[in-house]
PDB file of N, CA and C in Angstrom:
ATOM      1  N   UNK A   1     116.570  64.331 -73.647  1.00  0.00           N
ATOM      2  CA  UNK A   1     117.026  65.140 -72.536  1.00  0.00           C
ATOM      3  C   UNK A   1     117.054  66.605 -72.973  1.00  0.00           C
ATOM      4  N   UNK A   2     116.496  67.476 -72.145  1.00  0.00           N
ATOM      5  CA  UNK A   2     116.481  68.901 -72.470  1.00  0.00           C
ATOM      6  C   UNK A   2     117.873  69.507 -72.257  1.00  0.00           C
ATOM      7  N   UNK A   3     118.071  70.697 -72.812  1.00  0.00           N
ATOM      8  CA  UNK A   3     119.354  71.379 -72.609  1.00  0.00           C
ATOM      9  C   UNK A   3     119.594  71.675 -71.132  1.00  0.00           C
ATOM     10  N   UNK A   4     118.541  71.993 -70.402  1.00  0.00           N
ATOM     11  CA  UNK A   4     118.683  72.246 -68.966  1.00  0.00           C
ATOM     12  C   UNK A   4     119.155  70.981 -68.256  1.00  0.00           C
ATOM     13  N   UNK A   5     118.573  69.848 -68.594  1.00  0.00           N
ATOM     14  CA  UNK A   5     118.989  68.575 -68.001  1.00  0.00           C
ATOM     15  C   UNK A   5     120.425  68.235 -68.387  1.00  0.00           C
ATOM     16  N   UNK A   6     120.788  68.539 -69.619  1.00  0.00           N
ATOM     17  CA  UNK A   6     122.163  68.298 -70.070  1.00  0.00           C
ATOM     18  C   UNK A   6     123.148  69.170 -69.297  1.00  0.00           C
ATOM     19  N   UNK A   7     122.766  70.412 -69.074  1.00  0.00           N
ATOM     20  CA  UNK A   7     123.639  71.322 -68.332  1.00  0.00           C
ATOM     21  C   UNK A   7     123.788  70.855 -66.882  1.00  0.00           C
ATOM     22  N   UNK A   8     122.714  70.386 -66.292  1.00  0.00           N
ATOM     23  CA  UNK A   8     122.778  69.845 -64.930  1.00  0.00           C
ATOM     24  C   UNK A   8     123.722  68.644 -64.885  1.00  0.00           C
ATOM     25  N   UNK A   9     123.620  67.781 -65.867  1.00  0.00           N
ATOM     26  CA  UNK A   9     124.485  66.602 -65.941  1.00  0.00           C
ATOM     27  C   UNK A   9     125.952  67.020 -66.094  1.00  0.00           C
ATOM     28  N   UNK A  10     126.212  68.005 -66.932  1.00  0.00           N
ATOM     29  CA  UNK A  10     127.573  68.494 -67.136  1.00  0.00           C
ATOM     30  C   UNK A  10     128.123  69.099 -65.849  1.00  0.00           C
ATOM     31  N   UNK A  11     127.320  69.908 -65.179  1.00  0.00           N
ATOM     32  CA  UNK A  11     127.781  70.543 -63.935  1.00  0.00           C
ATOM     33  C   UNK A  11     127.991  69.504 -62.831  1.00  0.00           C
ATOM     34  N   UNK A  12     127.183  68.459 -62.815  1.00  0.00           N
ATOM     35  CA  UNK A  12     127.385  67.372 -61.850  1.00  0.00           C
ATOM     36  C   UNK A  12     128.728  66.687 -62.115  1.00  0.00           C
ATOM     37  N   UNK A  13     129.018  66.440 -63.381  1.00  0.00           N
ATOM     38  CA  UNK A  13     130.317  65.862 -63.756  1.00  0.00           C
ATOM     39  C   UNK A  13     131.464  66.754 -63.283  1.00  0.00           C
ATOM     40  N   UNK A  14     131.348  68.061 -63.534  1.00  0.00           N
ATOM     41  CA  UNK A  14     132.401  68.996 -63.123  1.00  0.00           C
ATOM     42  C   UNK A  14     132.597  68.966 -61.607  1.00  0.00           C
ATOM     43  N   UNK A  15     131.509  68.982 -60.865  1.00  0.00           N
ATOM     44  CA  UNK A  15     131.593  68.975 -59.404  1.00  0.00           C
ATOM     45  C   UNK A  15     132.243  67.692 -58.886  1.00  0.00           C
ATOM     46  N   UNK A  16     131.850  66.567 -59.464  1.00  0.00           N
ATOM     47  CA  UNK A  16     132.437  65.283 -59.048  1.00  0.00           C
ATOM     48  C   UNK A  16     133.933  65.250 -59.334  1.00  0.00           C
ATOM     49  N   UNK A  17     134.320  65.679 -60.522  1.00  0.00           N
ATOM     50  CA  UNK A  17     135.738  65.665 -60.894  1.00  0.00           C
ATOM     51  C   UNK A  17     136.538  66.652 -60.050  1.00  0.00           C
ATOM     52  N   UNK A  18     135.956  67.802 -59.761  1.00  0.00           N
ATOM     53  CA  UNK A  18     136.615  68.790 -58.915  1.00  0.00           C
ATOM     54  C   UNK A  18     136.925  68.182 -57.549  1.00  0.00           C
ATOM     55  N   UNK A  19     135.922  67.526 -56.961  1.00  0.00           N
ATOM     56  CA  UNK A  19     136.116  66.932 -55.634  1.00  0.00           C
ATOM     57  C   UNK A  19     137.159  65.822 -55.670  1.00  0.00           C
ATOM     58  N   UNK A  20     137.148  65.017 -56.710  1.00  0.00           N
ATOM     59  CA  UNK A  20     138.151  63.955 -56.848  1.00  0.00           C
ATOM     60  C   UNK A  20     139.552  64.552 -56.858  1.00  0.00           C
ATOM     61  N   UNK A  21     139.727  65.620 -57.606  1.00  0.00           N
ATOM     62  CA  UNK A  21     141.051  66.243 -57.705  1.00  0.00           C
ATOM     63  C   UNK A  21     141.457  66.924 -56.402  1.00  0.00           C
ATOM     64  N   UNK A  22     140.513  67.556 -55.721  1.00  0.00           N
ATOM     65  CA  UNK A  22     140.828  68.176 -54.431  1.00  0.00           C
ATOM     66  C   UNK A  22     141.228  67.118 -53.402  1.00  0.00           C
ATOM     67  N   UNK A  23     140.510  66.005 -53.381  1.00  0.00           N
ATOM     68  CA  UNK A  23     140.859  64.908 -52.475  1.00  0.00           C
ATOM     69  C   UNK A  23     142.252  64.363 -52.809  1.00  0.00           C
ATOM     70  N   UNK A  24     142.515  64.222 -54.082  1.00  0.00           N
ATOM     71  CA  UNK A  24     143.824  63.742 -54.528  1.00  0.00           C
ATOM     72  C   UNK A  24     144.928  64.712 -54.103  1.00  0.00           C
ATOM     73  N   UNK A  25     144.688  65.999 -54.275  1.00  0.00           N
ATOM     74  CA  UNK A  25     145.678  67.008 -53.892  1.00  0.00           C
ATOM     75  C   UNK A  25     145.961  66.941 -52.397  1.00  0.00           C
ATOM     76  N   UNK A  26     144.917  66.796 -51.584  1.00  0.00           N
ATOM     77  CA  UNK A  26     145.093  66.696 -50.133  1.00  0.00           C
ATOM     78  C   UNK A  26     145.884  65.454 -49.757  1.00  0.00           C
ATOM     79  N   UNK A  27     145.551  64.351 -50.374  1.00  0.00           N
ATOM     80  CA  UNK A  27     146.258  63.098 -50.101  1.00  0.00           C
ATOM     81  C   UNK A  27     147.732  63.205 -50.479  1.00  0.00           C
ATOM     82  N   UNK A  28     148.002  63.784 -51.633  1.00  0.00           N
ATOM     83  CA  UNK A  28     149.392  63.937 -52.076  1.00  0.00           C
ATOM     84  C   UNK A  28     150.160  64.898 -51.175  1.00  0.00           C
ATOM     85  N   UNK A  29     149.512  65.950 -50.728  1.00  0.00           N
ATOM     86  CA  UNK A  29     150.156  66.895 -49.810  1.00  0.00           C
ATOM     87  C   UNK A  29     150.532  66.205 -48.507  1.00  0.00           C
ATOM     88  N   UNK A  30     149.632  65.381 -48.006  1.00  0.00           N
ATOM     89  CA  UNK A  30     149.903  64.669 -46.760  1.00  0.00           C
ATOM     90  C   UNK A  30     151.069  63.696 -46.908  1.00  0.00           C
ATOM     91  N   UNK A  31     151.291  63.219 -48.118  1.00  0.00           N
ATOM     92  CA  UNK A  31     152.403  62.308 -48.389  1.00  0.00           C
ATOM     93  C   UNK A  31     153.667  63.070 -48.791  1.00  0.00           C
ATOM     94  N   UNK A  32     153.612  64.402 -48.654  1.00  0.00           N
ATOM     95  CA  UNK A  32     154.729  65.282 -48.989  1.00  0.00           C
ATOM     96  C   UNK A  32     155.134  65.161 -50.465  1.00  0.00           C
ATOM     97  N   UNK A  33     154.130  65.026 -51.316  1.00  0.00           N
ATOM     98  CA  UNK A  33     154.342  64.975 -52.770  1.00  0.00           C
ATOM     99  C   UNK A  33     153.759  66.258 -53.358  1.00  0.00           C
ATOM    100  N   UNK A  34     154.435  67.358 -53.040  1.00  0.00           N
ATOM    101  CA  UNK A  34     153.912  68.692 -53.332  1.00  0.00           C
ATOM    102  C   UNK A  34     153.759  68.980 -54.827  1.00  0.00           C
ATOM    103  N   UNK A  35     154.707  68.550 -55.645  1.00  0.00           N
ATOM    104  CA  UNK A  35     154.600  68.818 -57.084  1.00  0.00           C
ATOM    105  C   UNK A  35     153.346  68.177 -57.666  1.00  0.00           C
ATOM    106  N   UNK A  36     153.086  66.938 -57.280  1.00  0.00           N
ATOM    107  CA  UNK A  36     151.891  66.252 -57.769  1.00  0.00           C
ATOM    108  C   UNK A  36     150.624  66.873 -57.192  1.00  0.00           C
ATOM    109  N   UNK A  37     150.703  67.322 -55.943  1.00  0.00           N
ATOM    110  CA  UNK A  37     149.554  67.986 -55.324  1.00  0.00           C
ATOM    111  C   UNK A  37     149.207  69.267 -56.079  1.00  0.00           C
ATOM    112  N   UNK A  38     150.224  70.004 -56.487  1.00  0.00           N
ATOM    113  CA  UNK A  38     150.000  71.230 -57.262  1.00  0.00           C
ATOM    114  C   UNK A  38     149.301  70.903 -58.572  1.00  0.00           C
ATOM    115  N   UNK A  39     149.732  69.848 -59.238  1.00  0.00           N
ATOM    116  CA  UNK A  39     149.106  69.455 -60.504  1.00  0.00           C
ATOM    117  C   UNK A  39     147.635  69.088 -60.293  1.00  0.00           C
ATOM    118  N   UNK A  40     147.342  68.391 -59.206  1.00  0.00           N
ATOM    119  CA  UNK A  40     145.944  68.033 -58.914  1.00  0.00           C
ATOM    120  C   UNK A  40     145.127  69.289 -58.613  1.00  0.00           C
ATOM    121  N   UNK A  41     145.728  70.254 -57.931  1.00  0.00           N
ATOM    122  CA  UNK A  41     145.028  71.514 -57.639  1.00  0.00           C
ATOM    123  C   UNK A  41     144.752  72.295 -58.919  1.00  0.00           C
ATOM    124  N   UNK A  42     145.696  72.283 -59.848  1.00  0.00           N
ATOM    125  CA  UNK A  42     145.488  72.951 -61.138  1.00  0.00           C
ATOM    126  C   UNK A  42     144.313  72.299 -61.864  1.00  0.00           C
ATOM    127  N   UNK A  43     144.289  70.980 -61.847  1.00  0.00           N
ATOM    128  CA  UNK A  43     143.199  70.250 -62.494  1.00  0.00           C
ATOM    129  C   UNK A  43     141.863  70.573 -61.826  1.00  0.00           C
ATOM    130  N   UNK A  44     141.841  70.575 -60.499  1.00  0.00           N
ATOM    131  CA  UNK A  44     140.613  70.911 -59.772  1.00  0.00           C
ATOM    132  C   UNK A  44     140.151  72.317 -60.131  1.00  0.00           C
ATOM    133  N   UNK A  45     141.095  73.232 -60.249  1.00  0.00           N
ATOM    134  CA  UNK A  45     140.764  74.608 -60.605  1.00  0.00           C
ATOM    135  C   UNK A  45     140.094  74.681 -61.976  1.00  0.00           C
ATOM    136  N   UNK A  46     140.517  73.827 -62.887  1.00  0.00           N
ATOM    137  CA  UNK A  46     139.894  73.790 -64.218  1.00  0.00           C
ATOM    138  C   UNK A  46     138.405  73.464 -64.100  1.00  0.00           C
ATOM    139  N   UNK A  47     138.098  72.438 -63.312  1.00  0.00           N
ATOM    140  CA  UNK A  47     136.694  72.055 -63.135  1.00  0.00           C
ATOM    141  C   UNK A  47     135.917  73.175 -62.459  1.00  0.00           C
ATOM    142  N   UNK A  48     136.550  73.859 -61.520  1.00  0.00           N
ATOM    143  CA  UNK A  48     135.900  74.963 -60.821  1.00  0.00           C
ATOM    144  C   UNK A  48     135.622  76.133 -61.771  1.00  0.00           C
ATOM    145  N   UNK A  49     136.583  76.468 -62.616  1.00  0.00           N
ATOM    146  CA  UNK A  49     136.406  77.549 -63.600  1.00  0.00           C
ATOM    147  C   UNK A  49     135.208  77.242 -64.503  1.00  0.00           C
ATOM    148  N   UNK A  50     135.153  76.023 -65.012  1.00  0.00           N
ATOM    149  CA  UNK A  50     134.056  75.661 -65.917  1.00  0.00           C
ATOM    150  C   UNK A  50     132.717  75.603 -65.194  1.00  0.00           C
ATOM    151  N   UNK A  51     132.725  75.222 -63.928  1.00  0.00           N
ATOM    152  CA  UNK A  51     131.489  75.237 -63.145  1.00  0.00           C
ATOM    153  C   UNK A  51     130.974  76.659 -63.006  1.00  0.00           C
ATOM    154  N   UNK A  52     131.856  77.566 -62.630  1.00  0.00           N
ATOM    155  CA  UNK A  52     131.456  78.969 -62.459  1.00  0.00           C
ATOM    156  C   UNK A  52     130.918  79.548 -63.761  1.00  0.00           C
ATOM    157  N   UNK A  53     131.623  79.289 -64.854  1.00  0.00           N
ATOM    158  CA  UNK A  53     131.165  79.835 -66.127  1.00  0.00           C
ATOM    159  C   UNK A  53     129.853  79.188 -66.560  1.00  0.00           C
ATOM    160  N   UNK A  54     129.712  77.902 -66.351  1.00  0.00           N
ATOM    161  CA  UNK A  54     128.466  77.214 -66.723  1.00  0.00           C
ATOM    162  C   UNK A  54     127.280  77.767 -65.936  1.00  0.00           C
ATOM    163  N   UNK A  55     127.497  78.042 -64.656  1.00  0.00           N
ATOM    164  CA  UNK A  55     126.434  78.646 -63.844  1.00  0.00           C
ATOM    165  C   UNK A  55     126.040  80.015 -64.397  1.00  0.00           C
ATOM    166  N   UNK A  56     127.045  80.805 -64.757  1.00  0.00           N
ATOM    167  CA  UNK A  56     126.762  82.141 -65.316  1.00  0.00           C
ATOM    168  C   UNK A  56     126.060  82.035 -66.658  1.00  0.00           C
ATOM    169  N   UNK A  57     126.496  81.123 -67.503  1.00  0.00           N
ATOM    170  CA  UNK A  57     125.866  80.949 -68.815  1.00  0.00           C
ATOM    171  C   UNK A  57     124.418  80.495 -68.664  1.00  0.00           C
ATOM    172  N   UNK A  58     124.183  79.587 -67.738  1.00  0.00           N
ATOM    173  CA  UNK A  58     122.820  79.095 -67.508  1.00  0.00           C
ATOM    174  C   UNK A  58     121.917  80.225 -67.022  1.00  0.00           C
ATOM    175  N   UNK A  59     122.430  81.061 -66.146  1.00  0.00           N
ATOM    176  CA  UNK A  59     121.632  82.150 -65.586  1.00  0.00           C
ATOM    177  C   UNK A  59     121.384  83.262 -66.604  1.00  0.00           C
ATOM    178  N   UNK A  60     122.430  83.655 -67.319  1.00  0.00           N
ATOM    179  CA  UNK A  60     122.345  84.827 -68.197  1.00  0.00           C
ATOM    180  C   UNK A  60     121.953  84.515 -69.636  1.00  0.00           C
ATOM    181  N   UNK A  61     122.213  83.305 -70.087  1.00  0.00           N
ATOM    182  CA  UNK A  61     121.931  82.937 -71.482  1.00  0.00           C
ATOM    183  C   UNK A  61     121.320  81.537 -71.543  1.00  0.00           C
ATOM    184  N   UNK A  62     120.190  81.325 -70.910  1.00  0.00           N
ATOM    185  CA  UNK A  62     119.639  79.970 -70.821  1.00  0.00           C
ATOM    186  C   UNK A  62     119.340  79.328 -72.174  1.00  0.00           C
ATOM    187  N   UNK A  63     119.064  80.144 -73.174  1.00  0.00           N
ATOM    188  CA  UNK A  63     118.723  79.581 -74.483  1.00  0.00           C
ATOM    189  C   UNK A  63     119.931  79.193 -75.315  1.00  0.00           C
ATOM    190  N   UNK A  64     121.103  79.711 -74.978  1.00  0.00           N
ATOM    191  CA  UNK A  64     122.288  79.318 -75.751  1.00  0.00           C
ATOM    192  C   UNK A  64     123.516  79.117 -74.865  1.00  0.00           C
ATOM    193  N   UNK A  65     123.287  78.508 -73.716  1.00  0.00           N
ATOM    194  CA  UNK A  65     124.396  78.210 -72.801  1.00  0.00           C
ATOM    195  C   UNK A  65     125.440  77.332 -73.480  1.00  0.00           C
ATOM    196  N   UNK A  66     124.991  76.364 -74.298  1.00  0.00           N
ATOM    197  CA  UNK A  66     125.920  75.482 -75.005  1.00  0.00           C
ATOM    198  C   UNK A  66     126.923  76.295 -75.833  1.00  0.00           C
ATOM    199  N   UNK A  67     126.409  77.231 -76.633  1.00  0.00           N
ATOM    200  CA  UNK A  67     127.285  78.049 -77.478  1.00  0.00           C
ATOM    201  C   UNK A  67     128.211  78.924 -76.640  1.00  0.00           C
ATOM    202  N   UNK A  68     127.697  79.484 -75.564  1.00  0.00           N
ATOM    203  CA  UNK A  68     128.510  80.340 -74.690  1.00  0.00           C
ATOM    204  C   UNK A  68     129.642  79.543 -74.044  1.00  0.00           C
ATOM    205  N   UNK A  69     129.331  78.357 -73.568  1.00  0.00           N
ATOM    206  CA  UNK A  69     130.356  77.524 -72.922  1.00  0.00           C
ATOM    207  C   UNK A  69     131.388  77.069 -73.944  1.00  0.00           C
ATOM    208  N   UNK A  70     130.931  76.665 -75.119  1.00  0.00           N
ATOM    209  CA  UNK A  70     131.853  76.247 -76.179  1.00  0.00           C
ATOM    210  C   UNK A  70     132.804  77.382 -76.534  1.00  0.00           C
ATOM    211  N   UNK A  71     132.271  78.563 -76.728  1.00  0.00           N
ATOM    212  CA  UNK A  71     133.074  79.740 -77.066  1.00  0.00           C
ATOM    213  C   UNK A  71     134.060  80.060 -75.943  1.00  0.00           C
ATOM    214  N   UNK A  72     133.603  80.007 -74.709  1.00  0.00           N
ATOM    215  CA  UNK A  72     134.457  80.286 -73.557  1.00  0.00           C
ATOM    216  C   UNK A  72     135.643  79.327 -73.513  1.00  0.00           C
ATOM    217  N   UNK A  73     135.365  78.039 -73.705  1.00  0.00           N
ATOM    218  CA  UNK A  73     136.452  77.054 -73.653  1.00  0.00           C
ATOM    219  C   UNK A  73     137.491  77.323 -74.734  1.00  0.00           C
ATOM    220  N   UNK A  74     137.033  77.713 -75.900  1.00  0.00           N
ATOM    221  CA  UNK A  74     137.961  77.947 -77.007  1.00  0.00           C
ATOM    222  C   UNK A  74     138.686  79.284 -76.881  1.00  0.00           C
ATOM    223  N   UNK A  75     137.933  80.353 -76.741  1.00  0.00           N
ATOM    224  CA  UNK A  75     138.514  81.701 -76.814  1.00  0.00           C
ATOM    225  C   UNK A  75     139.142  82.177 -75.509  1.00  0.00           C
ATOM    226  N   UNK A  76     138.548  81.817 -74.393  1.00  0.00           N
ATOM    227  CA  UNK A  76     139.049  82.325 -73.116  1.00  0.00           C
ATOM    228  C   UNK A  76     139.990  81.361 -72.406  1.00  0.00           C
ATOM    229  N   UNK A  77     139.968  80.104 -72.791  1.00  0.00           N
ATOM    230  CA  UNK A  77     140.833  79.130 -72.138  1.00  0.00           C
ATOM    231  C   UNK A  77     141.882  78.571 -73.089  1.00  0.00           C
ATOM    232  N   UNK A  78     141.446  77.807 -74.091  1.00  0.00           N
ATOM    233  CA  UNK A  78     142.406  77.114 -74.949  1.00  0.00           C
ATOM    234  C   UNK A  78     143.393  78.054 -75.632  1.00  0.00           C
ATOM    235  N   UNK A  79     142.914  79.058 -76.311  1.00  0.00           N
ATOM    236  CA  UNK A  79     143.803  79.937 -77.078  1.00  0.00           C
ATOM    237  C   UNK A  79     144.842  80.619 -76.192  1.00  0.00           C
ATOM    238  N   UNK A  80     144.455  81.258 -75.079  1.00  0.00           N
ATOM    239  CA  UNK A  80     145.471  81.882 -74.229  1.00  0.00           C
ATOM    240  C   UNK A  80     146.442  80.865 -73.625  1.00  0.00           C
ATOM    241  N   UNK A  81     145.947  79.694 -73.278  1.00  0.00           N
ATOM    242  CA  UNK A  81     146.840  78.700 -72.681  1.00  0.00           C
ATOM    243  C   UNK A  81     147.802  78.118 -73.709  1.00  0.00           C
ATOM    244  N   UNK A  82     147.364  77.988 -74.935  1.00  0.00           N
ATOM    245  CA  UNK A  82     148.290  77.546 -75.986  1.00  0.00           C
ATOM    246  C   UNK A  82     149.379  78.592 -76.192  1.00  0.00           C
ATOM    247  N   UNK A  83     148.990  79.849 -76.162  1.00  0.00           N
ATOM    248  CA  UNK A  83     149.978  80.927 -76.298  1.00  0.00           C
ATOM    249  C   UNK A  83     150.936  80.931 -75.116  1.00  0.00           C
ATOM    250  N   UNK A  84     150.420  80.749 -73.929  1.00  0.00           N
ATOM    251  CA  UNK A  84     151.254  80.700 -72.730  1.00  0.00           C
ATOM    252  C   UNK A  84     152.211  79.505 -72.782  1.00  0.00           C
ATOM    253  N   UNK A  85     151.731  78.385 -73.265  1.00  0.00           N
ATOM    254  CA  UNK A  85     152.578  77.198 -73.420  1.00  0.00           C
ATOM    255  C   UNK A  85     153.715  77.474 -74.391  1.00  0.00           C
ATOM    256  N   UNK A  86     153.399  78.079 -75.519  1.00  0.00           N
ATOM    257  CA  UNK A  86     154.427  78.386 -76.524  1.00  0.00           C
ATOM    258  C   UNK A  86     155.484  79.330 -75.941  1.00  0.00           C
ATOM    259  N   UNK A  87     155.061  80.323 -75.209  1.00  0.00           N
ATOM    260  CA  UNK A  87     155.990  81.268 -74.586  1.00  0.00           C
ATOM    261  C   UNK A  87     156.867  80.558 -73.563  1.00  0.00           C
ATOM    262  N   UNK A  88     156.269  79.717 -72.753  1.00  0.00           N
ATOM    263  CA  UNK A  88     157.027  78.973 -71.740  1.00  0.00           C
ATOM    264  C   UNK A  88     158.058  78.054 -72.403  1.00  0.00           C
ATOM    265  N   UNK A  89     157.675  77.424 -73.491  1.00  0.00           N
ATOM    266  CA  UNK A  89     158.614  76.561 -74.214  1.00  0.00           C
ATOM    267  C   UNK A  89     159.775  77.366 -74.781  1.00  0.00           C
ATOM    268  N   UNK A  90     159.478  78.526 -75.329  1.00  0.00           N
ATOM    269  CA  UNK A  90     160.526  79.396 -75.883  1.00  0.00           C
ATOM    270  C   UNK A  90     161.526  79.818 -74.819  1.00  0.00           C
ATOM    271  N   UNK A  91     161.044  80.035 -73.612  1.00  0.00           N
ATOM    272  CA  UNK A  91     161.897  80.519 -72.530  1.00  0.00           C
ATOM    273  C   UNK A  91     162.458  79.396 -71.659  1.00  0.00           C
ATOM    274  N   UNK A  92     162.149  78.161 -72.021  1.00  0.00           N
ATOM    275  CA  UNK A  92     162.653  77.025 -71.259  1.00  0.00           C
ATOM    276  C   UNK A  92     162.097  76.929 -69.841  1.00  0.00           C
ATOM    277  N   UNK A  93     160.911  77.458 -69.634  1.00  0.00           N
ATOM    278  CA  UNK A  93     160.277  77.424 -68.314  1.00  0.00           C
ATOM    279  C   UNK A  93     159.514  76.101 -68.173  1.00  0.00           C
ATOM    280  N   UNK A  94     160.206  75.086 -67.680  1.00  0.00           N
ATOM    281  CA  UNK A  94     159.643  73.735 -67.646  1.00  0.00           C
ATOM    282  C   UNK A  94     158.467  73.595 -66.686  1.00  0.00           C
ATOM    283  N   UNK A  95     158.483  74.347 -65.611  1.00  0.00           N
ATOM    284  CA  UNK A  95     157.365  74.292 -64.659  1.00  0.00           C
ATOM    285  C   UNK A  95     156.105  74.845 -65.327  1.00  0.00           C
ATOM    286  N   UNK A  96     156.233  75.985 -65.973  1.00  0.00           N
ATOM    287  CA  UNK A  96     155.088  76.599 -66.659  1.00  0.00           C
ATOM    288  C   UNK A  96     154.602  75.695 -67.803  1.00  0.00           C
ATOM    289  N   UNK A  97     155.519  75.061 -68.508  1.00  0.00           N
ATOM    290  CA  UNK A  97     155.143  74.132 -69.575  1.00  0.00           C
ATOM    291  C   UNK A  97     154.283  73.005 -68.989  1.00  0.00           C
ATOM    292  N   UNK A  98     154.728  72.454 -67.865  1.00  0.00           N
ATOM    293  CA  UNK A  98     153.970  71.366 -67.232  1.00  0.00           C
ATOM    294  C   UNK A  98     152.582  71.851 -66.816  1.00  0.00           C
ATOM    295  N   UNK A  99     152.515  73.042 -66.228  1.00  0.00           N
ATOM    296  CA  UNK A  99     151.223  73.576 -65.787  1.00  0.00           C
ATOM    297  C   UNK A  99     150.281  73.804 -66.969  1.00  0.00           C
ATOM    298  N   UNK A 100     150.781  74.393 -68.034  1.00  0.00           N
ATOM    299  CA  UNK A 100     149.933  74.661 -69.202  1.00  0.00           C
ATOM    300  C   UNK A 100     149.502  73.360 -69.871  1.00  0.00           C
ATOM    301  N   UNK A 101     150.369  72.375 -69.893  1.00  0.00           N
ATOM    302  CA  UNK A 101     149.991  71.076 -70.463  1.00  0.00           C
ATOM    303  C   UNK A 101     148.885  70.417 -69.649  1.00  0.00           C
ATOM    304  N   UNK A 102     148.969  70.527 -68.328  1.00  0.00           N
ATOM    305  CA  UNK A 102     147.907  69.981 -67.471  1.00  0.00           C
ATOM    306  C   UNK A 102     146.579  70.668 -67.786  1.00  0.00           C
ATOM    307  N   UNK A 103     146.612  71.979 -67.897  1.00  0.00           N
ATOM    308  CA  UNK A 103     145.377  72.726 -68.191  1.00  0.00           C
ATOM    309  C   UNK A 103     144.795  72.300 -69.531  1.00  0.00           C
ATOM    310  N   UNK A 104     145.633  72.231 -70.546  1.00  0.00           N
ATOM    311  CA  UNK A 104     145.148  71.892 -71.893  1.00  0.00           C
ATOM    312  C   UNK A 104     144.643  70.453 -71.966  1.00  0.00           C
ATOM    313  N   UNK A 105     145.314  69.543 -71.296  1.00  0.00           N
ATOM    314  CA  UNK A 105     144.877  68.145 -71.278  1.00  0.00           C
ATOM    315  C   UNK A 105     143.544  68.011 -70.548  1.00  0.00           C
ATOM    316  N   UNK A 106     143.434  68.697 -69.417  1.00  0.00           N
ATOM    317  CA  UNK A 106     142.176  68.659 -68.658  1.00  0.00           C
ATOM    318  C   UNK A 106     141.044  69.268 -69.473  1.00  0.00           C
ATOM    319  N   UNK A 107     141.320  70.391 -70.113  1.00  0.00           N
ATOM    320  CA  UNK A 107     140.311  71.042 -70.944  1.00  0.00           C
ATOM    321  C   UNK A 107     139.842  70.115 -72.060  1.00  0.00           C
ATOM    322  N   UNK A 108     140.755  69.414 -72.695  1.00  0.00           N
ATOM    323  CA  UNK A 108     140.388  68.487 -73.770  1.00  0.00           C
ATOM    324  C   UNK A 108     139.443  67.405 -73.249  1.00  0.00           C
ATOM    325  N   UNK A 109     139.722  66.891 -72.057  1.00  0.00           N
ATOM    326  CA  UNK A 109     138.841  65.887 -71.464  1.00  0.00           C
ATOM    327  C   UNK A 109     137.470  66.447 -71.134  1.00  0.00           C
ATOM    328  N   UNK A 110     137.449  67.663 -70.603  1.00  0.00           N
ATOM    329  CA  UNK A 110     136.179  68.315 -70.281  1.00  0.00           C
ATOM    330  C   UNK A 110     135.367  68.542 -71.549  1.00  0.00           C
ATOM    331  N   UNK A 111     136.024  69.016 -72.588  1.00  0.00           N
ATOM    332  CA  UNK A 111     135.318  69.253 -73.858  1.00  0.00           C
ATOM    333  C   UNK A 111     134.731  67.973 -74.420  1.00  0.00           C
ATOM    334  N   UNK A 112     135.453  66.887 -74.293  1.00  0.00           N
ATOM    335  CA  UNK A 112     134.968  65.599 -74.798  1.00  0.00           C
ATOM    336  C   UNK A 112     133.680  65.204 -74.076  1.00  0.00           C
ATOM    337  N   UNK A 113     133.673  65.333 -72.757  1.00  0.00           N
ATOM    338  CA  UNK A 113     132.472  65.006 -71.979  1.00  0.00           C
ATOM    339  C   UNK A 113     131.347  65.984 -72.319  1.00  0.00           C
ATOM    340  N   UNK A 114     131.672  67.262 -72.394  1.00  0.00           N
ATOM    341  CA  UNK A 114     130.692  68.292 -72.725  1.00  0.00           C
ATOM    342  C   UNK A 114     129.995  67.972 -74.050  1.00  0.00           C
ATOM    343  N   UNK A 115     130.789  67.671 -75.061  1.00  0.00           N
ATOM    344  CA  UNK A 115     130.208  67.361 -76.380  1.00  0.00           C
ATOM    345  C   UNK A 115     129.400  66.083 -76.338  1.00  0.00           C
ATOM    346  N   UNK A 116     129.861  65.093 -75.592  1.00  0.00           N
ATOM    347  CA  UNK A 116     129.102  63.832 -75.529  1.00  0.00           C
ATOM    348  C   UNK A 116     127.738  64.057 -74.871  1.00  0.00           C
ATOM    349  N   UNK A 117     127.690  64.943 -73.898  1.00  0.00           N
ATOM    350  CA  UNK A 117     126.410  65.237 -73.235  1.00  0.00           C
ATOM    351  C   UNK A 117     125.508  66.053 -74.144  1.00  0.00           C
ATOM    352  N   UNK A 118     126.054  67.123 -74.726  1.00  0.00           N
ATOM    353  CA  UNK A 118     125.213  68.056 -75.482  1.00  0.00           C
ATOM    354  C   UNK A 118     124.924  67.600 -76.904  1.00  0.00           C
ATOM    355  N   UNK A 119     125.778  66.753 -77.444  1.00  0.00           N
ATOM    356  CA  UNK A 119     125.530  66.298 -78.814  1.00  0.00           C
ATOM    357  C   UNK A 119     124.925  64.904 -78.831  1.00  0.00           C
ATOM    358  N   UNK A 120     124.679  64.366 -77.645  1.00  0.00           N
ATOM    359  CA  UNK A 120     123.932  63.132 -77.550  1.00  0.00           C
ATOM    360  C   UNK A 120     124.688  61.848 -77.813  1.00  0.00           C
ATOM    361  N   UNK A 121     126.020  61.907 -77.960  1.00  0.00           N
ATOM    362  CA  UNK A 121     126.753  60.658 -78.177  1.00  0.00           C
ATOM    363  C   UNK A 121     126.979  59.985 -76.834  1.00  0.00           C
ATOM    364  N   UNK A 122     127.558  58.809 -76.857  1.00  0.00           N
ATOM    365  CA  UNK A 122     127.801  58.053 -75.626  1.00  0.00           C
ATOM    366  C   UNK A 122     128.780  58.806 -74.746  1.00  0.00           C
ATOM    367  N   UNK A 123     128.630  58.672 -73.467  1.00  0.00           N
ATOM    368  CA  UNK A 123     129.531  59.321 -72.526  1.00  0.00           C
ATOM    369  C   UNK A 123     128.949  59.340 -71.138  1.00  0.00           C
ATOM    370  N   UNK A 124     129.599  60.014 -70.270  1.00  0.00           N
ATOM    371  CA  UNK A 124     129.295  60.187 -68.850  1.00  0.00           C
ATOM    372  C   UNK A 124     128.009  59.541 -68.412  1.00  0.00           C
TER     373      UNK A 124
END
């Protein structure tokens, strides 16, 4: 599989997961389960962020989109969110802690799928 095909597969995964989370958020909202709906929306937003960045990486850096996406996930997402989580924990902000944990957990899952696609191991 070429890198372009791998990127298409990754973006398809992101789009599918985004839609699943948006549907879940809508369903939870209709059941008046707003806290859970917010968590699903945060998760959906994660997939949307990675979709947007993947599209930009594919367009602007087609020969090294993998490296650009990997760097983005680490430097622009994980590191700031870990710092935000630590700050929220220090200040006892339990809502922010929950939100940052959702982001970091979702990111870890996305990275696992990303690596399985681009490094050729079993997955998606």
